Amino acid sequence: MNIAREIIWPIIAVIAAFVVGGVVILILGDNPLAAYSLLLSNSFGSFRDIGWTLHYATPLIFTGLAVAVAFRCGLLNIGAEGQLYVAAFAAAWVGITFGGRIVDVFGTKEDWSLASLPGFLLVPLCMFAAIAAGAIWGAIPGVLKAKFGSHEVINTIMLNFIGIALVGYLTQYHYKVPGDPIQQTAPIGEAAQIPKLNEFLGFLPYDVPLNVSFLLALLMCVLVYSFLWKTKWGYELRAVGENPSAAEYGGISTRKQIIIAMTISGGLAGMVGIGEVLGKEHEFESGFSAEWGFLGIAVALLGRNHPLGVLIAALFFGVLLRGQIFVDAFTPRVSKDLGWVLQAIIILFVACFQIYTRDKGRSTAV
């Protein structure tokens, strides 16, 4: 019964959001069926559409898992946005520094690298840099929470500003190609680049940026599930989230689990940089994130903080991000904000369900 309820309520939230969204479209004087047809057909209508939808979903899988792991320990990680920015810059820095890349700058050549590593070494090193940078940025509020009781919501919000500003400064004044009007770093070395899936799947068009980071995201869903429900460490982390006092009484260090949860959460958020820097842009660009860190909160809520739920929710949000572009272009009165409206309504319904189940649990206990 609990499993069925966990599945049914998010589905109800999505259906209710579409119904309410349809009413909003009617009020605006447009056709809800036409708008939703555009939304869905341009997300699944062709291999190109599917590839783009999966591409939009990939960073949300990582940030959704990041938020879910923190949630399972009773923590709210609002800092995934800052963590993924710091991680993306770290991946770019390693790709530039050890990529052996000589950049042609307006007729002059500049060598930004210290060494030229082969791809089988450089790609894992860039990935490790992204994960480690995100993990460190996540561990900071974890340590502050565990050692000093400082609230992780405030700390992670502040670290968002610090992280984004820090990498922006480093990009602008130390790693941007002179004369480039865009605030972005020099390109990473070719050896640091990871392949797009269209190199293996011939039916995917060349212009689809979906890359192997999507496969890595699927792998992380499996690994996070295995960690949380199949290991002693995952059990301890979840125990702290369920009842910190009981966990402490049972010999589990709540402080240790807080630090571990926030570190893992930051590392997962940092993996966004792998796909964006190594697989798509091949450089770090300020403002590259479409607020994936914050959308990850909605993904985790809709996915009920379970890796499988996060995967499904991320795919659904990928549909909204892909389809809303065409709704904006081909409907007379509905803009791409329809996607944001649907997301907001879904969050409201899921939050209501959380309150309902919590209050019901308390009344049953009494």
Foldseek 3Di string as FASTA:
>chain_A
DVVVVLVPLLVVLLVVLLVVLQVVCVVLPFHSVVLVCLLQCQCPVALQNVLLLLVQLLLLLLLLLLQLLQLLLQAGQLQLLLLQQQLLLQLQLLLQAACQDWDQAPNDIDRRYPHHDALVPSQVVSLVRLLQSLLVLLLVLLLCCLPPVPHNVVSSVVSSVVSLVVSLVCQVPPAPRPPDPFSWGDFGHPSNAFEACCVVVVRHDPPRLHTCSSVVSVVVLVVSQCQLPVDPLNVLSSVNSVPVVVSVVVVRRSSVSSSVSSSNSSSSSSSSSSSPCRRGPRIRGRPPDPPSNNVSVLLNLSLVSHSVSSSVSSSVLSSLVSSQCSSQVPIDRDHSCSSVSSSVSSSVSSVVVVVVVVVVVVVVVD
